[in-house]
């Protein structure tokens, strides 16, 4: 079973949950719709996403 974590900034229950998979992958799901199941990323994909966030690649123009 995956242990999902929620940001400490989440206070209203509508949050993104992230869990580490055996083997290093990452699962991401919507706390409002857990039945839909998570999106699954490799550790490389997740690292690229996190690097993009840190570099401001997703900031609105």
Protein backbone atom coordinates (compact mmCIF):
# COMPACT_ATOMS: atom_id res chain seq x y z
CA UNK A 1 0.00 0.00 0.00
CA UNK A 2 1.22 3.49 -0.88
CA UNK A 3 1.44 6.02 1.92
CA UNK A 4 0.31 9.33 0.45
CA UNK A 5 1.39 12.63 1.96
CA UNK A 6 -0.39 15.96 1.80
CA UNK A 7 1.20 19.39 2.01
CA UNK A 8 1.00 21.14 5.36
CA UNK A 9 -0.47 24.07 3.40
CA UNK A 10 -3.57 21.98 2.66
CA UNK A 11 -6.33 23.01 5.02
CA UNK A 12 -9.59 22.56 3.13
CA UNK A 13 -9.29 18.96 1.93
CA UNK A 14 -8.98 19.72 -1.79
CA UNK A 15 -5.34 18.92 -2.24
CA UNK A 16 -2.84 16.92 -4.22
CA UNK A 17 -1.45 13.85 -2.48
CA UNK A 18 1.95 12.38 -3.33
CA UNK A 19 3.27 8.91 -2.53
CA UNK A 20 6.57 7.15 -3.22
CA UNK A 21 6.25 3.77 -4.92
CA UNK A 22 8.44 0.73 -4.34
CA UNK A 23 11.29 1.08 -6.81
CA UNK A 24 11.35 4.87 -6.65
CA UNK A 25 8.40 5.97 -8.76
CA UNK A 26 5.92 8.60 -7.59
CA UNK A 27 2.12 8.45 -7.48
CA UNK A 28 0.02 11.65 -7.43
CA UNK A 29 -3.71 11.82 -6.78
CA UNK A 30 -6.50 14.30 -6.09
CA UNK A 31 -7.73 14.12 -2.49
CA UNK A 32 -11.28 14.94 -3.68
CA UNK A 33 -11.37 11.99 -6.08
CA UNK A 34 -9.27 9.15 -4.66
CA UNK A 35 -11.39 6.53 -6.44
CA UNK A 36 -10.03 7.69 -9.80
CA UNK A 37 -6.60 6.41 -8.87
CA UNK A 38 -3.22 8.12 -9.04
CA UNK A 39 -1.12 9.32 -11.92
CA UNK A 40 2.18 7.42 -11.83
CA UNK A 41 5.56 8.90 -12.78
CA UNK A 42 9.06 7.46 -12.92
CA UNK A 43 11.60 8.96 -10.55
CA UNK A 44 13.23 10.68 -13.55
CA UNK A 45 9.94 12.24 -14.67
CA UNK A 46 9.22 13.43 -11.14
CA UNK A 47 12.71 14.91 -10.77
CA UNK A 48 12.26 16.81 -14.06
CA UNK A 49 8.89 18.15 -12.88
CA UNK A 50 10.26 19.29 -9.52
CA UNK A 51 13.23 20.95 -11.25
CA UNK A 52 10.83 22.76 -13.58
CA UNK A 53 8.78 24.02 -10.64
CA UNK A 54 11.91 25.27 -8.90
CA UNK A 55 13.05 27.01 -12.10
CA UNK A 56 9.73 28.79 -12.52
CA UNK A 57 8.76 26.97 -15.72
CA UNK A 58 5.12 26.77 -14.60
CA UNK A 59 4.69 30.34 -13.37
CA UNK A 60 1.83 32.14 -15.10
CA UNK A 61 2.95 34.72 -17.62
